Amino acid sequence: MAYRWDMADRRSEDEPHPRFHDDLVGLDPHDPEARAFAEHLDRVQRCDPAYTVEASIDGVGDFARSSHRAGGLRWWVAVVVVVLILFGVLVASWDILVRISQWLAG
């Protein structure tokens, strides 16, 4: 069974994650490592369709949250990936604008 919980929106910090009642019985729900593991299980067992715009935006959000947690070399690799994606979008946009202006001019 997959759970879909937005940690900051739906629960307070004192309320235990529902996984501690089902999957993680016996672990301390107030332990930060156990809470992080419950959040990890939520991300791993997500079964939403991945081909919609909303799922793509959720994927970008997951990438942003995971790169925010990363440090050192992983953080720099995430920054390079984002910069390369933005560079590709800028080049493609510029190419489209140039082709449209050539078509209109000519």
PDB file of N, CA and C in Angstrom:
ATOM      1  N   MET A   1       0.845  -1.177   0.000  1.00  0.00           N
ATOM      2  CA  MET A   1       0.000   0.000   0.000  1.00  0.00           C
ATOM      3  C   MET A   1       0.885   1.234   0.000  1.00  0.00           C
ATOM      4  N   ALA A   2       0.627   2.147  -0.906  1.00  0.00           N
ATOM      5  CA  ALA A   2       1.448   3.342  -1.018  1.00  0.00           C
ATOM      6  C   ALA A   2       0.781   4.507  -0.298  1.00  0.00           C
ATOM      7  N   TYR A   3       1.572   5.271   0.413  1.00  0.00           N
ATOM      8  CA  TYR A   3       1.092   6.440   1.125  1.00  0.00           C
ATOM      9  C   TYR A   3       1.561   7.676   0.397  1.00  0.00           C
ATOM     10  N   ARG A   4       0.733   8.664   0.346  1.00  0.00           N
ATOM     11  CA  ARG A   4       1.131   9.936  -0.264  1.00  0.00           C
ATOM     12  C   ARG A   4       0.907  11.016   0.783  1.00  0.00           C
ATOM     13  N   TRP A   5       1.970  11.425   1.447  1.00  0.00           N
ATOM     14  CA  TRP A   5       1.878  12.430   2.497  1.00  0.00           C
ATOM     15  C   TRP A   5       2.819  13.568   2.191  1.00  0.00           C
ATOM     16  N   ASP A   6       2.318  14.765   2.243  1.00  0.00           N
ATOM     17  CA  ASP A   6       3.185  15.935   2.213  1.00  0.00           C
ATOM     18  C   ASP A   6       3.478  16.271   3.665  1.00  0.00           C
ATOM     19  N   MET A   7       4.703  16.103   4.039  1.00  0.00           N
ATOM     20  CA  MET A   7       5.085  16.133   5.441  1.00  0.00           C
ATOM     21  C   MET A   7       4.724  17.472   6.107  1.00  0.00           C
ATOM     22  N   ALA A   8       4.976  18.576   5.476  1.00  0.00           N
ATOM     23  CA  ALA A   8       4.759  19.862   6.128  1.00  0.00           C
ATOM     24  C   ALA A   8       3.290  20.284   6.083  1.00  0.00           C
ATOM     25  N   ASP A   9       2.532  19.797   5.111  1.00  0.00           N
ATOM     26  CA  ASP A   9       1.176  20.281   4.929  1.00  0.00           C
ATOM     27  C   ASP A   9       0.152  19.572   5.798  1.00  0.00           C
ATOM     28  N   ARG A  10       0.277  18.297   5.985  1.00  0.00           N
ATOM     29  CA  ARG A  10      -0.810  17.524   6.561  1.00  0.00           C
ATOM     30  C   ARG A  10      -0.633  17.142   8.019  1.00  0.00           C
ATOM     31  N   ARG A  11       0.592  17.160   8.525  1.00  0.00           N
ATOM     32  CA  ARG A  11       0.804  16.713   9.899  1.00  0.00           C
ATOM     33  C   ARG A  11       1.707  17.692  10.623  1.00  0.00           C
ATOM     34  N   SER A  12       1.543  17.723  11.921  1.00  0.00           N
ATOM     35  CA  SER A  12       2.476  18.506  12.733  1.00  0.00           C
ATOM     36  C   SER A  12       3.683  17.625  13.052  1.00  0.00           C
ATOM     37  N   GLU A  13       4.689  18.219  13.617  1.00  0.00           N
ATOM     38  CA  GLU A  13       5.907  17.472  13.944  1.00  0.00           C
ATOM     39  C   GLU A  13       5.687  16.452  15.050  1.00  0.00           C
ATOM     40  N   ASP A  14       4.707  16.701  15.931  1.00  0.00           N
ATOM     41  CA  ASP A  14       4.463  15.790  17.049  1.00  0.00           C
ATOM     42  C   ASP A  14       3.635  14.582  16.646  1.00  0.00           C
ATOM     43  N   GLU A  15       2.874  14.694  15.580  1.00  0.00           N
ATOM     44  CA  GLU A  15       2.024  13.589  15.141  1.00  0.00           C
ATOM     45  C   GLU A  15       2.873  12.540  14.410  1.00  0.00           C
ATOM     46  N   PRO A  16       2.793  11.279  14.811  1.00  0.00           N
ATOM     47  CA  PRO A  16       3.622  10.260  14.156  1.00  0.00           C
ATOM     48  C   PRO A  16       3.143   9.955  12.745  1.00  0.00           C
ATOM     49  N   HIS A  17       4.070   9.540  11.934  1.00  0.00           N
ATOM     50  CA  HIS A  17       3.786   9.145  10.556  1.00  0.00           C
ATOM     51  C   HIS A  17       2.926   7.888  10.570  1.00  0.00           C
ATOM     52  N   PRO A  18       1.964   7.749   9.645  1.00  0.00           N
ATOM     53  CA  PRO A  18       1.101   6.558   9.641  1.00  0.00           C
ATOM     54  C   PRO A  18       1.871   5.254   9.432  1.00  0.00           C
ATOM     55  N   ARG A  19       3.032   5.319   8.856  1.00  0.00           N
ATOM     56  CA  ARG A  19       3.814   4.096   8.640  1.00  0.00           C
ATOM     57  C   ARG A  19       4.243   3.445   9.954  1.00  0.00           C
ATOM     58  N   PHE A  20       4.327   4.227  11.024  1.00  0.00           N
ATOM     59  CA  PHE A  20       4.718   3.657  12.313  1.00  0.00           C
ATOM     60  C   PHE A  20       3.623   2.763  12.890  1.00  0.00           C
ATOM     61  N   HIS A  21       2.424   2.875  12.352  1.00  0.00           N
ATOM     62  CA  HIS A  21       1.332   2.004  12.779  1.00  0.00           C
ATOM     63  C   HIS A  21       1.268   0.728  11.943  1.00  0.00           C
ATOM     64  N   ASP A  22       1.782   0.783  10.707  1.00  0.00           N
ATOM     65  CA  ASP A  22       1.673  -0.354   9.788  1.00  0.00           C
ATOM     66  C   ASP A  22       3.015  -1.036   9.532  1.00  0.00           C
ATOM     67  N   ASP A  23       3.917  -0.318   8.886  1.00  0.00           N
ATOM     68  CA  ASP A  23       5.165  -0.914   8.411  1.00  0.00           C
ATOM     69  C   ASP A  23       6.302  -0.850   9.418  1.00  0.00           C
ATOM     70  N   LEU A  24       6.366   0.192  10.189  1.00  0.00           N
ATOM     71  CA  LEU A  24       7.513   0.433  11.065  1.00  0.00           C
ATOM     72  C   LEU A  24       7.151   0.253  12.543  1.00  0.00           C
ATOM     73  N   VAL A  25       6.376  -0.767  12.814  1.00  0.00           N
ATOM     74  CA  VAL A  25       5.952  -1.034  14.191  1.00  0.00           C
ATOM     75  C   VAL A  25       7.187  -1.358  15.022  1.00  0.00           C
ATOM     76  N   GLY A  26       7.310  -0.737  16.175  1.00  0.00           N
ATOM     77  CA  GLY A  26       8.434  -0.990  17.072  1.00  0.00           C
ATOM     78  C   GLY A  26       9.508   0.071  17.008  1.00  0.00           C
ATOM     79  N   LEU A  27       9.498   0.902  15.965  1.00  0.00           N
ATOM     80  CA  LEU A  27      10.468   1.990  15.889  1.00  0.00           C
ATOM     81  C   LEU A  27       9.906   3.218  16.579  1.00  0.00           C
ATOM     82  N   ASP A  28      10.805   4.032  17.107  1.00  0.00           N
ATOM     83  CA  ASP A  28      10.398   5.243  17.812  1.00  0.00           C
ATOM     84  C   ASP A  28       9.953   6.295  16.795  1.00  0.00           C
ATOM     85  N   PRO A  29       8.678   6.714  16.831  1.00  0.00           N
ATOM     86  CA  PRO A  29       8.214   7.696  15.849  1.00  0.00           C
ATOM     87  C   PRO A  29       8.814   9.091  16.036  1.00  0.00           C
ATOM     88  N   HIS A  30       9.478   9.334  17.154  1.00  0.00           N
ATOM     89  CA  HIS A  30      10.093  10.639  17.388  1.00  0.00           C
ATOM     90  C   HIS A  30      11.572  10.659  17.041  1.00  0.00           C
ATOM     91  N   ASP A  31      12.119   9.517  16.643  1.00  0.00           N
ATOM     92  CA  ASP A  31      13.522   9.429  16.239  1.00  0.00           C
ATOM     93  C   ASP A  31      13.667  10.057  14.852  1.00  0.00           C
ATOM     94  N   PRO A  32      14.570  11.034  14.668  1.00  0.00           N
ATOM     95  CA  PRO A  32      14.714  11.686  13.361  1.00  0.00           C
ATOM     96  C   PRO A  32      15.111  10.717  12.252  1.00  0.00           C
ATOM     97  N   GLU A  33      15.940   9.724  12.557  1.00  0.00           N
ATOM     98  CA  GLU A  33      16.339   8.766  11.532  1.00  0.00           C
ATOM     99  C   GLU A  33      15.164   7.882  11.114  1.00  0.00           C
ATOM    100  N   ALA A  34      14.328   7.495  12.073  1.00  0.00           N
ATOM    101  CA  ALA A  34      13.157   6.675  11.747  1.00  0.00           C
ATOM    102  C   ALA A  34      12.154   7.490  10.934  1.00  0.00           C
ATOM    103  N   ARG A  35      11.990   8.774  11.247  1.00  0.00           N
ATOM    104  CA  ARG A  35      11.093   9.637  10.475  1.00  0.00           C
ATOM    105  C   ARG A  35      11.616   9.808   9.055  1.00  0.00           C
ATOM    106  N   ALA A  36      12.918   9.972   8.917  1.00  0.00           N
ATOM    107  CA  ALA A  36      13.508  10.108   7.583  1.00  0.00           C
ATOM    108  C   ALA A  36      13.327   8.820   6.786  1.00  0.00           C
ATOM    109  N   PHE A  37      13.434   7.677   7.458  1.00  0.00           N
ATOM    110  CA  PHE A  37      13.226   6.404   6.767  1.00  0.00           C
ATOM    111  C   PHE A  37      11.772   6.259   6.314  1.00  0.00           C
ATOM    112  N   ALA A  38      10.824   6.718   7.135  1.00  0.00           N
ATOM    113  CA  ALA A  38       9.413   6.673   6.743  1.00  0.00           C
ATOM    114  C   ALA A  38       9.166   7.561   5.527  1.00  0.00           C
ATOM    115  N   GLU A  39       9.781   8.741   5.500  1.00  0.00           N
ATOM    116  CA  GLU A  39       9.656   9.622   4.335  1.00  0.00           C
ATOM    117  C   GLU A  39      10.289   8.980   3.101  1.00  0.00           C
ATOM    118  N   HIS A  40      11.421   8.308   3.294  1.00  0.00           N
ATOM    119  CA  HIS A  40      12.079   7.610   2.193  1.00  0.00           C
ATOM    120  C   HIS A  40      11.177   6.511   1.637  1.00  0.00           C
ATOM    121  N   LEU A  41      10.538   5.753   2.511  1.00  0.00           N
ATOM    122  CA  LEU A  41       9.614   4.708   2.046  1.00  0.00           C
ATOM    123  C   LEU A  41       8.455   5.304   1.267  1.00  0.00           C
ATOM    124  N   ASP A  42       7.975   6.462   1.660  1.00  0.00           N
ATOM    125  CA  ASP A  42       6.911   7.130   0.909  1.00  0.00           C
ATOM    126  C   ASP A  42       7.363   7.470  -0.504  1.00  0.00           C
ATOM    127  N   ARG A  43       8.580   7.984  -0.617  1.00  0.00           N
ATOM    128  CA  ARG A  43       9.087   8.342  -1.948  1.00  0.00           C
ATOM    129  C   ARG A  43       9.304   7.116  -2.807  1.00  0.00           C
ATOM    130  N   VAL A  44       9.809   6.035  -2.211  1.00  0.00           N
ATOM    131  CA  VAL A  44      10.117   4.830  -2.977  1.00  0.00           C
ATOM    132  C   VAL A  44       8.842   4.140  -3.459  1.00  0.00           C
ATOM    133  N   GLN A  45       7.823   4.118  -2.624  1.00  0.00           N
ATOM    134  CA  GLN A  45       6.611   3.368  -2.951  1.00  0.00           C
ATOM    135  C   GLN A  45       5.532   4.230  -3.591  1.00  0.00           C
ATOM    136  N   ARG A  46       5.889   5.384  -4.086  1.00  0.00           N
ATOM    137  CA  ARG A  46       4.913   6.223  -4.776  1.00  0.00           C
ATOM    138  C   ARG A  46       4.504   5.535  -6.071  1.00  0.00           C
ATOM    139  N   CYS A  47       3.218   5.465  -6.326  1.00  0.00           N
ATOM    140  CA  CYS A  47       2.734   4.773  -7.521  1.00  0.00           C
ATOM    141  C   CYS A  47       1.832   5.664  -8.355  1.00  0.00           C
ATOM    142  N   ASP A  48       2.074   6.956  -8.341  1.00  0.00           N
ATOM    143  CA  ASP A  48       1.310   7.877  -9.166  1.00  0.00           C
ATOM    144  C   ASP A  48       1.755   7.742 -10.619  1.00  0.00           C
ATOM    145  N   PRO A  49       0.888   8.074 -11.575  1.00  0.00           N
ATOM    146  CA  PRO A  49       1.321   8.030 -12.977  1.00  0.00           C
ATOM    147  C   PRO A  49       2.411   9.070 -13.229  1.00  0.00           C
ATOM    148  N   ALA A  50       3.424   8.688 -13.966  1.00  0.00           N
ATOM    149  CA  ALA A  50       4.581   9.555 -14.173  1.00  0.00           C
ATOM    150  C   ALA A  50       4.513  10.315 -15.498  1.00  0.00           C
ATOM    151  N   TYR A  51       3.432  10.192 -16.242  1.00  0.00           N
ATOM    152  CA  TYR A  51       3.367  10.783 -17.569  1.00  0.00           C
ATOM    153  C   TYR A  51       2.488  12.036 -17.615  1.00  0.00           C
ATOM    154  N   THR A  52       2.092  12.559 -16.492  1.00  0.00           N
ATOM    155  CA  THR A  52       1.271  13.762 -16.473  1.00  0.00           C
ATOM    156  C   THR A  52       2.123  14.977 -16.128  1.00  0.00           C
ATOM    157  N   VAL A  53       1.576  16.154 -16.369  1.00  0.00           N
ATOM    158  CA  VAL A  53       2.287  17.383 -16.047  1.00  0.00           C
ATOM    159  C   VAL A  53       2.494  17.488 -14.537  1.00  0.00           C
ATOM    160  N   GLU A  54       1.463  17.105 -13.784  1.00  0.00           N
ATOM    161  CA  GLU A  54       1.567  17.174 -12.329  1.00  0.00           C
ATOM    162  C   GLU A  54       2.676  16.255 -11.813  1.00  0.00           C
ATOM    163  N   ALA A  55       2.791  15.075 -12.400  1.00  0.00           N
ATOM    164  CA  ALA A  55       3.839  14.149 -11.980  1.00  0.00           C
ATOM    165  C   ALA A  55       5.217  14.692 -12.344  1.00  0.00           C
ATOM    166  N   SER A  56       5.324  15.352 -13.473  1.00  0.00           N
ATOM    167  CA  SER A  56       6.601  15.957 -13.846  1.00  0.00           C
ATOM    168  C   SER A  56       6.990  17.053 -12.870  1.00  0.00           C
ATOM    169  N   ILE A  57       6.023  17.861 -12.467  1.00  0.00           N
ATOM    170  CA  ILE A  57       6.298  18.918 -11.508  1.00  0.00           C
ATOM    171  C   ILE A  57       6.651  18.315 -10.152  1.00  0.00           C
ATOM    172  N   ASP A  58       5.953  17.239  -9.757  1.00  0.00           N
ATOM    173  CA  ASP A  58       6.313  16.555  -8.513  1.00  0.00           C
ATOM    174  C   ASP A  58       7.735  16.000  -8.585  1.00  0.00           C
ATOM    175  N   GLY A  59       8.123  15.478  -9.767  1.00  0.00           N
ATOM    176  CA  GLY A  59       9.480  14.967  -9.933  1.00  0.00           C
ATOM    177  C   GLY A  59      10.517  16.054  -9.784  1.00  0.00           C
ATOM    178  N   VAL A  60      10.221  17.229 -10.312  1.00  0.00           N
ATOM    179  CA  VAL A  60      11.130  18.366 -10.156  1.00  0.00           C
ATOM    180  C   VAL A  60      11.213  18.760  -8.689  1.00  0.00           C
ATOM    181  N   GLY A  61      10.075  18.727  -8.005  1.00  0.00           N
ATOM    182  CA  GLY A  61      10.069  19.045  -6.570  1.00  0.00           C
ATOM    183  C   GLY A  61      10.875  18.043  -5.765  1.00  0.00           C
ATOM    184  N   ASP A  62      10.744  16.758  -6.116  1.00  0.00           N
ATOM    185  CA  ASP A  62      11.537  15.732  -5.434  1.00  0.00           C
ATOM    186  C   ASP A  62      13.026  15.947  -5.670  1.00  0.00           C
ATOM    187  N   PHE A  63      13.381  16.289  -6.916  1.00  0.00           N
ATOM    188  CA  PHE A  63      14.781  16.551  -7.231  1.00  0.00           C
ATOM    189  C   PHE A  63      15.296  17.742  -6.430  1.00  0.00           C
ATOM    190  N   ALA A  64      14.483  18.795  -6.330  1.00  0.00           N
ATOM    191  CA  ALA A  64      14.906  19.983  -5.586  1.00  0.00           C
ATOM    192  C   ALA A  64      15.085  19.669  -4.106  1.00  0.00           C
ATOM    193  N   ARG A  65      14.150  18.904  -3.531  1.00  0.00           N
ATOM    194  CA  ARG A  65      14.279  18.562  -2.108  1.00  0.00           C
ATOM    195  C   ARG A  65      15.489  17.668  -1.864  1.00  0.00           C
ATOM    196  N   SER A  66      15.727  16.699  -2.746  1.00  0.00           N
ATOM    197  CA  SER A  66      16.862  15.808  -2.530  1.00  0.00           C
ATOM    198  C   SER A  66      18.184  16.529  -2.756  1.00  0.00           C
ATOM    199  N   SER A  67      18.233  17.446  -3.722  1.00  0.00           N
ATOM    200  CA  SER A  67      19.479  18.186  -3.927  1.00  0.00           C
ATOM    201  C   SER A  67      19.708  19.180  -2.788  1.00  0.00           C
ATOM    202  N   HIS A  68      18.635  19.641  -2.179  1.00  0.00           N
ATOM    203  CA  HIS A  68      18.784  20.537  -1.021  1.00  0.00           C
ATOM    204  C   HIS A  68      19.373  19.775   0.171  1.00  0.00           C
ATOM    205  N   ARG A  69      19.010  18.519   0.313  1.00  0.00           N
ATOM    206  CA  ARG A  69      19.549  17.703   1.407  1.00  0.00           C
ATOM    207  C   ARG A  69      20.984  17.283   1.141  1.00  0.00           C
ATOM    208  N   ALA A  70      21.371  17.221  -0.119  1.00  0.00           N
ATOM    209  CA  ALA A  70      22.717  16.757  -0.470  1.00  0.00           C
ATOM    210  C   ALA A  70      23.749  17.824  -0.101  1.00  0.00           C
ATOM    211  N   GLY A  71      24.968  17.388  -0.045  1.00  0.00           N
ATOM    212  CA  GLY A  71      26.046  18.314   0.256  1.00  0.00           C
ATOM    213  C   GLY A  71      27.290  17.933  -0.505  1.00  0.00           C
ATOM    214  N   GLY A  72      28.207  18.858  -0.593  1.00  0.00           N
ATOM    215  CA  GLY A  72      29.488  18.581  -1.225  1.00  0.00           C
ATOM    216  C   GLY A  72      29.380  18.341  -2.713  1.00  0.00           C
ATOM    217  N   LEU A  73      29.981  17.259  -3.167  1.00  0.00           N
ATOM    218  CA  LEU A  73      30.023  16.955  -4.603  1.00  0.00           C
ATOM    219  C   LEU A  73      28.637  16.683  -5.178  1.00  0.00           C
ATOM    220  N   ARG A  74      27.778  16.017  -4.432  1.00  0.00           N
ATOM    221  CA  ARG A  74      26.422  15.744  -4.936  1.00  0.00           C
ATOM    222  C   ARG A  74      25.655  17.039  -5.175  1.00  0.00           C
ATOM    223  N   TRP A  75      25.838  18.016  -4.306  1.00  0.00           N
ATOM    224  CA  TRP A  75      25.161  19.294  -4.485  1.00  0.00           C
ATOM    225  C   TRP A  75      25.668  19.968  -5.756  1.00  0.00           C
ATOM    226  N   TRP A  76      26.972  19.942  -5.974  1.00  0.00           N
ATOM    227  CA  TRP A  76      27.536  20.562  -7.172  1.00  0.00           C
ATOM    228  C   TRP A  76      27.088  19.849  -8.441  1.00  0.00           C
ATOM    229  N   VAL A  77      26.966  18.530  -8.391  1.00  0.00           N
ATOM    230  CA  VAL A  77      26.471  17.789  -9.559  1.00  0.00           C
ATOM    231  C   VAL A  77      25.025  18.192  -9.842  1.00  0.00           C
ATOM    232  N   ALA A  78      24.213  18.339  -8.807  1.00  0.00           N
ATOM    233  CA  ALA A  78      22.825  18.783  -8.995  1.00  0.00           C
ATOM    234  C   ALA A  78      22.785  20.180  -9.602  1.00  0.00           C
ATOM    235  N   VAL A  79      23.657  21.056  -9.147  1.00  0.00           N
ATOM    236  CA  VAL A  79      23.713  22.414  -9.700  1.00  0.00           C
ATOM    237  C   VAL A  79      24.113  22.368 -11.172  1.00  0.00           C
ATOM    238  N   VAL A  80      25.091  21.553 -11.520  1.00  0.00           N
ATOM    239  CA  VAL A  80      25.522  21.429 -12.921  1.00  0.00           C
ATOM    240  C   VAL A  80      24.386  20.883 -13.782  1.00  0.00           C
ATOM    241  N   VAL A  81      23.648  19.892 -13.287  1.00  0.00           N
ATOM    242  CA  VAL A  81      22.521  19.337 -14.040  1.00  0.00           C
ATOM    243  C   VAL A  81      21.477  20.420 -14.289  1.00  0.00           C
ATOM    244  N   VAL A  82      21.153  21.194 -13.287  1.00  0.00           N
ATOM    245  CA  VAL A  82      20.162  22.266 -13.449  1.00  0.00           C
ATOM    246  C   VAL A  82      20.656  23.309 -14.437  1.00  0.00           C
ATOM    247  N   VAL A  83      21.916  23.683 -14.339  1.00  0.00           N
ATOM    248  CA  VAL A  83      22.466  24.680 -15.261  1.00  0.00           C
ATOM    249  C   VAL A  83      22.441  24.154 -16.693  1.00  0.00           C
ATOM    250  N   LEU A  84      22.786  22.883 -16.896  1.00  0.00           N
ATOM    251  CA  LEU A  84      22.748  22.311 -18.246  1.00  0.00           C
ATOM    252  C   LEU A  84      21.325  22.259 -18.800  1.00  0.00           C
ATOM    253  N   ILE A  85      20.368  21.918 -17.947  1.00  0.00           N
ATOM    254  CA  ILE A  85      18.971  21.903 -18.402  1.00  0.00           C
ATOM    255  C   ILE A  85      18.527  23.311 -18.793  1.00  0.00           C
ATOM    256  N   LEU A  86      18.843  24.292 -17.959  1.00  0.00           N
ATOM    257  CA  LEU A  86      18.470  25.670 -18.282  1.00  0.00           C
ATOM    258  C   LEU A  86      19.172  26.163 -19.544  1.00  0.00           C
ATOM    259  N   PHE A  87      20.421  25.797 -19.734  1.00  0.00           N
ATOM    260  CA  PHE A  87      21.144  26.170 -20.945  1.00  0.00           C
ATOM    261  C   PHE A  87      20.481  25.550 -22.175  1.00  0.00           C
ATOM    262  N   GLY A  88      20.091  24.294 -22.078  1.00  0.00           N
ATOM    263  CA  GLY A  88      19.401  23.641 -23.195  1.00  0.00           C
ATOM    264  C   GLY A  88      18.077  24.307 -23.514  1.00  0.00           C
ATOM    265  N   VAL A  89      17.334  24.707 -22.500  1.00  0.00           N
ATOM    266  CA  VAL A  89      16.063  25.402 -22.729  1.00  0.00           C
ATOM    267  C   VAL A  89      16.312  26.753 -23.392  1.00  0.00           C
ATOM    268  N   LEU A  90      17.336  27.468 -22.946  1.00  0.00           N
ATOM    269  CA  LEU A  90      17.649  28.770 -23.555  1.00  0.00           C
ATOM    270  C   LEU A  90      18.079  28.623 -25.010  1.00  0.00           C
ATOM    271  N   VAL A  91      18.911  27.652 -25.320  1.00  0.00           N
ATOM    272  CA  VAL A  91      19.354  27.440 -26.702  1.00  0.00           C
ATOM    273  C   VAL A  91      18.177  27.055 -27.584  1.00  0.00           C
ATOM    274  N   ALA A  92      17.315  26.160 -27.112  1.00  0.00           N
ATOM    275  CA  ALA A  92      16.154  25.753 -27.899  1.00  0.00           C
ATOM    276  C   ALA A  92      15.198  26.930 -28.108  1.00  0.00           C
ATOM    277  N   SER A  93      14.995  27.737 -27.082  1.00  0.00           N
ATOM    278  CA  SER A  93      14.121  28.908 -27.214  1.00  0.00           C
ATOM    279  C   SER A  93      14.696  29.915 -28.204  1.00  0.00           C
ATOM    280  N   TRP A  94      15.984  30.153 -28.120  1.00  0.00           N
ATOM    281  CA  TRP A  94      16.628  31.077 -29.050  1.00  0.00           C
ATOM    282  C   TRP A  94      16.507  30.574 -30.484  1.00  0.00           C
ATOM    283  N   ASP A  95      16.709  29.286 -30.692  1.00  0.00           N
ATOM    284  CA  ASP A  95      16.590  28.703 -32.023  1.00  0.00           C
ATOM    285  C   ASP A  95      15.171  28.861 -32.564  1.00  0.00           C
ATOM    286  N   ILE A  96      14.179  28.639 -31.732  1.00  0.00           N
ATOM    287  CA  ILE A  96      12.789  28.793 -32.162  1.00  0.00           C
ATOM    288  C   ILE A  96      12.499  30.248 -32.520  1.00  0.00           C
ATOM    289  N   LEU A  97      12.974  31.182 -31.705  1.00  0.00           N
ATOM    290  CA  LEU A  97      12.750  32.594 -31.991  1.00  0.00           C
ATOM    291  C   LEU A  97      13.423  33.023 -33.289  1.00  0.00           C
ATOM    292  N   VAL A  98      14.626  32.545 -33.535  1.00  0.00           N
ATOM    293  CA  VAL A  98      15.338  32.889 -34.776  1.00  0.00           C
ATOM    294  C   VAL A  98      14.592  32.325 -35.970  1.00  0.00           C
ATOM    295  N   ARG A  99      14.135  31.085 -35.891  1.00  0.00           N
ATOM    296  CA  ARG A  99      13.419  30.479 -37.017  1.00  0.00           C
ATOM    297  C   ARG A  99      12.077  31.169 -37.271  1.00  0.00           C
ATOM    298  N   ILE A 100      11.400  31.576 -36.222  1.00  0.00           N
ATOM    299  CA  ILE A 100      10.129  32.291 -36.394  1.00  0.00           C
ATOM    300  C   ILE A 100      10.375  33.651 -37.036  1.00  0.00           C
ATOM    301  N   SER A 101      11.409  34.351 -36.599  1.00  0.00           N
ATOM    302  CA  SER A 101      11.709  35.674 -37.188  1.00  0.00           C
ATOM    303  C   SER A 101      12.123  35.531 -38.650  1.00  0.00           C
ATOM    304  N   GLN A 102      12.875  34.487 -39.015  1.00  0.00           N
ATOM    305  CA  GLN A 102      13.252  34.250 -40.411  1.00  0.00           C
ATOM    306  C   GLN A 102      12.030  33.927 -41.250  1.00  0.00           C
ATOM    307  N   TRP A 103      11.109  33.166 -40.707  1.00  0.00           N
ATOM    308  CA  TRP A 103       9.898  32.786 -41.422  1.00  0.00           C
ATOM    309  C   TRP A 103       9.008  34.022 -41.650  1.00  0.00           C
ATOM    310  N   LEU A 104       8.897  34.873 -40.624  1.00  0.00           N
ATOM    311  CA  LEU A 104       8.087  36.068 -40.762  1.00  0.00           C
ATOM    312  C   LEU A 104       8.721  37.087 -41.705  1.00  0.00           C
ATOM    313  N   ALA A 105      10.051  37.134 -41.742  1.00  0.00           N
ATOM    314  CA  ALA A 105      10.739  38.077 -42.602  1.00  0.00           C
ATOM    315  C   ALA A 105      10.743  37.623 -44.056  1.00  0.00           C
ATOM    316  N   GLY A 106      10.593  36.355 -44.240  1.00  0.00           N
ATOM    317  CA  GLY A 106      10.756  35.934 -45.504  1.00  0.00           C
ATOM    318  C   GLY A 106      10.329  35.206 -46.538  1.00  0.00           C
TER     319      GLY A 106
END
